[in-house]
Amino acid sequence: MSRQEQQFGTLYVVATPIGNLEDITQRALRVLTEVPLIAAEDTRRGQGLLSHFGISNRLTSFFEYTREGKLDSLIHHLEGGKDLAIISDAGTPTISDPGVRLIAKAHEAGILVVPIPGASAMITLLSIAGFPTEPFHFWGFLPPKNSKRKRIYESIQSMEGVHCFYESPHKLKKHLLEWELYLKDCFFCVGREMTKKFETYYRGRLEDIKEKLAAEGDRGELSVVVTKELL
């Protein structure tokens, strides 16, 4: 369906910078300026981004545990012929960020969903890792259950290609012990604080980088790519 074929509003899925605000696109700025309503994962962070660029459009909260009634309200907004943009705290919405339920409901209602592409932390790291990228497998944030993490580690051991996931700094020391058990022979590329003032990258076998990673403490979420073989 094209925009010309529908009477509903359009849902724009707008990627925002992962750190450096210069990475926002001109198209993203235009859309955020034009839509009457923007759904943000965290309205405080969303407001900071909009204020930086002099955008005063109305914000509404939309996060992982948004109630069904709020979803219905946003769909009603779109069905009324008004456009809506959705943004996450950083990067591309729905990539380990909220938004999937809203987008699914929009598709079910026959509403046009348009991507406004831009930054994604995992693709950013993958682009500079120097690892083979076909195929690559994305696991999101590692799950809290030990058994589910173990299955992911076993998949990394058995499946070809590069494996990508996000890591919380508060869980890093615990997970490093698991990586030593299951992934000690793999090659890692880890990005911390990417595009920000203190961005840092670690590349090599786990034994070469684990002490440096652990020494960084709780500063910033990490993106991780792992492969069994180099080019």
Protein backbone atom coordinates (compact mmCIF):
# COMPACT_ATOMS: atom_id res chain seq x y z
CA MET A 1 0.00 0.00 0.00
CA SER A 2 1.28 3.47 -0.83
CA ARG A 3 0.66 6.66 1.11
CA GLN A 4 -1.60 7.86 -1.72
CA GLU A 5 -3.81 4.76 -1.42
CA GLN A 6 -4.75 5.15 2.24
CA GLN A 7 -6.77 7.64 4.23
CA PHE A 8 -5.10 6.73 7.51
CA GLY A 9 -2.06 8.46 8.90
CA THR A 10 1.41 6.98 8.42
CA LEU A 11 3.47 5.36 11.16
CA TYR A 12 7.11 6.41 10.79
CA VAL A 13 9.75 4.24 12.49
CA VAL A 14 12.54 6.77 13.02
CA ALA A 15 16.12 5.80 13.85
CA THR A 16 17.95 8.23 16.14
CA PRO A 17 21.67 8.53 17.03
CA ILE A 18 23.24 5.96 19.35
CA GLY A 19 25.41 8.66 20.88
CA ASN A 20 26.76 11.40 18.64
CA LEU A 21 23.83 13.65 17.70
CA GLU A 22 25.50 14.53 14.39
CA ASP A 23 24.54 11.05 13.19
CA ILE A 24 20.84 11.89 12.81
CA THR A 25 19.67 12.10 9.21
CA GLN A 26 18.07 15.08 7.50
CA ARG A 27 15.06 12.94 6.67
CA ALA A 28 14.61 11.95 10.33
CA LEU A 29 14.69 15.61 11.36
CA ARG A 30 12.13 16.52 8.70
CA VAL A 31 9.74 13.75 9.74
CA LEU A 32 10.06 14.56 13.45
CA THR A 33 9.31 18.19 12.66
CA GLU A 34 6.26 17.40 10.54
CA VAL A 35 4.38 14.73 12.54
CA PRO A 36 1.84 15.95 15.12
CA LEU A 37 2.78 13.26 17.66
CA ILE A 38 5.95 11.33 18.54
CA ALA A 39 5.91 8.14 20.63
CA ALA A 40 9.12 7.87 22.65
CA GLU A 41 10.53 5.03 24.75
CA ASP A 42 11.55 7.59 27.40
CA THR A 43 9.97 11.03 26.98
CA ARG A 44 12.76 12.70 28.97
CA ARG A 45 15.45 11.42 26.63
CA GLY A 46 13.22 12.01 23.63
CA GLN A 47 12.65 15.59 24.72
CA GLY A 48 16.38 16.12 25.07
CA LEU A 49 16.91 15.00 21.48
CA LEU A 50 14.08 17.13 20.12
CA SER A 51 15.13 20.21 22.10
CA HIS A 52 18.67 19.94 20.76
CA PHE A 53 17.31 20.31 17.24
CA GLY A 54 14.64 22.89 18.10
CA ILE A 55 11.70 20.52 17.56
CA SER A 56 8.66 21.21 19.75
CA ASN A 57 6.21 18.53 18.59
CA ARG A 58 4.16 16.69 21.20
CA LEU A 59 5.63 13.59 22.83
CA THR A 60 3.84 10.62 24.33
CA SER A 61 5.40 7.70 26.19
CA PHE A 62 5.67 4.27 24.61
CA PHE A 63 7.76 1.59 26.30
CA GLU A 64 7.97 -2.18 26.57
CA TYR A 65 5.13 -2.54 29.07
CA THR A 66 2.78 0.03 27.55
CA ARG A 67 -0.82 -0.92 28.32
CA GLU A 68 -3.08 -2.21 25.58
CA GLY A 69 -5.29 0.86 25.95
CA LYS A 70 -2.38 3.11 25.03
CA LEU A 71 -1.66 1.01 21.95
CA ASP A 72 -5.31 1.32 20.91
CA SER A 73 -5.12 5.08 21.43
CA LEU A 74 -2.12 5.39 19.12
CA ILE A 75 -3.81 3.24 16.46
CA HIS A 76 -6.93 5.41 16.77
CA HIS A 77 -4.71 8.47 16.21
CA LEU A 78 -3.41 6.93 12.98
CA GLU A 79 -6.87 5.77 11.86
CA GLY A 80 -8.01 9.36 12.29
CA GLY A 81 -5.69 10.37 9.44
CA LYS A 82 -2.88 11.78 11.58
CA ASP A 83 0.75 10.72 11.25
CA LEU A 84 2.80 9.28 14.11
CA ALA A 85 6.55 8.77 14.58
CA ILE A 86 8.08 6.28 16.99
CA ILE A 87 11.60 6.67 18.38
CA SER A 88 13.64 4.68 20.90
CA ASP A 89 16.18 5.93 23.41
CA ALA A 90 18.93 5.37 20.85
CA GLY A 91 19.27 3.68 17.49
CA THR A 92 16.56 1.94 15.50
CA PRO A 93 13.21 1.19 17.18
CA THR A 94 12.22 -2.49 17.58
CA ILE A 95 15.86 -3.71 17.40
CA SER A 96 16.00 -4.84 21.05
CA ASP A 97 13.75 -1.85 21.73
CA PRO A 98 10.00 -1.37 22.16
CA GLY A 99 7.74 -0.85 19.17
CA VAL A 100 6.98 -4.27 17.71
CA ARG A 101 3.45 -4.50 19.15
CA LEU A 102 2.53 -1.06 17.83
CA ILE A 103 3.92 -1.82 14.38
CA ALA A 104 2.15 -5.19 14.27
CA LYS A 105 -1.16 -3.55 15.20
CA ALA A 106 -0.64 -0.90 12.54
CA HIS A 107 -0.10 -3.55 9.86
CA GLU A 108 -3.22 -5.42 11.02
CA ALA A 109 -5.24 -2.20 10.72
CA GLY A 110 -4.00 -1.52 7.19
CA ILE A 111 -1.88 1.46 8.25
CA LEU A 112 1.21 2.29 6.22
CA VAL A 113 4.46 1.77 8.17
CA VAL A 114 7.50 3.63 6.78
CA PRO A 115 11.08 3.15 8.00
CA ILE A 116 13.34 6.18 8.40
CA PRO A 117 16.69 4.37 8.56
CA GLY A 118 19.72 5.44 10.52
CA ALA A 119 22.01 4.26 13.29
CA SER A 120 21.95 0.77 14.81
CA ALA A 121 24.53 -0.12 17.44
CA MET A 122 24.99 -3.69 16.28
CA ILE A 123 25.39 -2.86 12.59
CA THR A 124 27.77 -0.06 13.57
CA LEU A 125 30.03 -2.50 15.42
CA LEU A 126 29.71 -5.21 12.80
CA SER A 127 30.85 -2.76 10.12
CA ILE A 128 34.24 -2.24 11.80
CA ALA A 129 34.86 -5.67 13.34
CA GLY A 130 36.65 -7.10 10.31
CA PHE A 131 34.84 -10.42 10.78
CA PRO A 132 33.01 -12.42 8.10
CA THR A 133 29.41 -11.16 8.08
CA GLU A 134 27.53 -13.81 6.13
CA PRO A 135 25.58 -15.19 7.79
CA PHE A 136 25.21 -13.21 10.98
CA HIS A 137 22.93 -14.09 13.87
CA PHE A 138 21.48 -11.48 16.23
CA TRP A 139 20.52 -12.55 19.76
CA GLY A 140 19.53 -9.21 21.30
CA PHE A 141 20.31 -8.91 25.02
CA LEU A 142 21.37 -12.18 26.60
CA PRO A 143 18.40 -13.65 28.52
CA PRO A 144 18.40 -13.71 32.33
CA LYS A 145 17.89 -17.48 32.60
CA ASN A 146 21.08 -19.54 32.71
CA SER A 147 19.56 -22.31 30.59
CA LYS A 148 18.61 -19.93 27.79
CA ARG A 149 22.05 -18.33 27.74
CA LYS A 150 23.60 -21.78 27.59
CA ARG A 151 21.53 -22.60 24.49
CA ILE A 152 22.76 -19.41 22.83
CA TYR A 153 26.38 -20.25 23.63
CA GLU A 154 25.87 -23.74 22.21
CA SER A 155 24.39 -22.20 19.06
CA ILE A 156 27.42 -19.95 18.70
CA GLN A 157 29.63 -23.03 18.97
CA SER A 158 27.68 -24.99 16.34
CA MET A 159 26.40 -22.42 13.81
CA GLU A 160 28.52 -20.86 11.09
CA GLY A 161 28.99 -17.11 10.74
CA VAL A 162 29.21 -14.24 13.19
CA HIS A 163 27.02 -13.93 16.29
CA CYS A 164 25.91 -10.58 17.68
CA PHE A 165 24.37 -9.58 21.00
CA TYR A 166 24.08 -6.72 23.46
CA GLU A 167 25.50 -6.87 26.98
CA SER A 168 24.58 -4.99 30.13
CA PRO A 169 27.61 -3.61 32.01
CA HIS A 170 26.10 -4.78 35.29
CA LYS A 171 26.11 -8.41 34.12
CA LEU A 172 29.42 -8.37 32.31
CA LYS A 173 31.64 -9.91 35.01
CA LYS A 174 29.24 -12.80 35.49
CA HIS A 175 28.90 -13.39 31.76
CA LEU A 176 32.64 -13.20 31.19
CA LEU A 177 32.97 -16.33 33.31
CA GLU A 178 30.43 -18.04 31.06
CA TRP A 179 32.21 -16.89 27.91
CA GLU A 180 35.44 -18.38 29.25
CA LEU A 181 33.63 -21.68 29.66
CA TYR A 182 31.80 -21.81 26.33
CA LEU A 183 33.48 -19.34 23.96
CA LYS A 184 37.14 -19.26 24.96
CA ASP A 185 38.35 -20.22 21.47
CA CYS A 186 36.26 -17.58 19.69
CA PHE A 187 37.30 -14.16 18.43
CA PHE A 188 35.53 -11.14 19.90
CA CYS A 189 34.97 -7.55 18.89
CA VAL A 190 33.33 -5.47 21.62
CA GLY A 191 32.21 -1.86 21.38
CA ARG A 192 31.54 0.33 24.41
CA GLU A 193 30.16 3.89 24.34
CA MET A 194 30.21 3.86 20.54
CA THR A 195 30.19 7.29 18.83
CA LYS A 196 30.49 8.97 22.25
CA LYS A 197 33.41 10.77 23.87
CA PHE A 198 34.90 7.66 25.50
CA GLU A 199 34.14 5.11 22.79
CA THR A 200 36.37 2.06 23.07
CA TYR A 201 36.80 -1.12 21.05
CA TYR A 202 38.31 -4.45 22.08
CA ARG A 203 39.22 -7.05 19.47
CA GLY A 204 40.87 -10.46 19.82
CA ARG A 205 40.46 -13.78 21.53
CA LEU A 206 38.67 -13.62 24.85
CA GLU A 207 41.88 -14.27 26.79
CA ASP A 208 43.40 -11.18 25.17
CA ILE A 209 40.60 -8.75 26.05
CA LYS A 210 38.80 -10.07 29.14
CA GLU A 211 40.90 -8.21 31.71
CA LYS A 212 40.53 -4.91 29.86
CA LEU A 213 36.77 -5.43 29.62
CA ALA A 214 36.41 -6.25 33.30
CA ALA A 215 38.55 -3.26 34.31
CA GLU A 216 36.18 -0.79 32.62
CA GLY A 217 33.52 -1.35 35.26
CA ASP A 218 29.90 -0.33 34.67
CA ARG A 219 30.45 2.35 32.05
CA GLY A 220 27.98 1.96 29.21
CA GLU A 221 26.20 -0.90 27.47
CA LEU A 222 28.26 -3.06 25.17
CA SER A 223 27.73 -4.47 21.71
CA VAL A 224 29.47 -7.79 21.06
CA VAL A 225 30.25 -9.77 17.91
CA VAL A 226 31.73 -13.26 18.10
CA THR A 227 33.09 -15.57 15.44
CA LYS A 228 34.87 -18.91 15.43
CA GLU A 229 36.96 -18.09 12.36
CA LEU A 230 38.63 -15.00 10.93
CA LEU A 231 38.80 -14.14 7.24
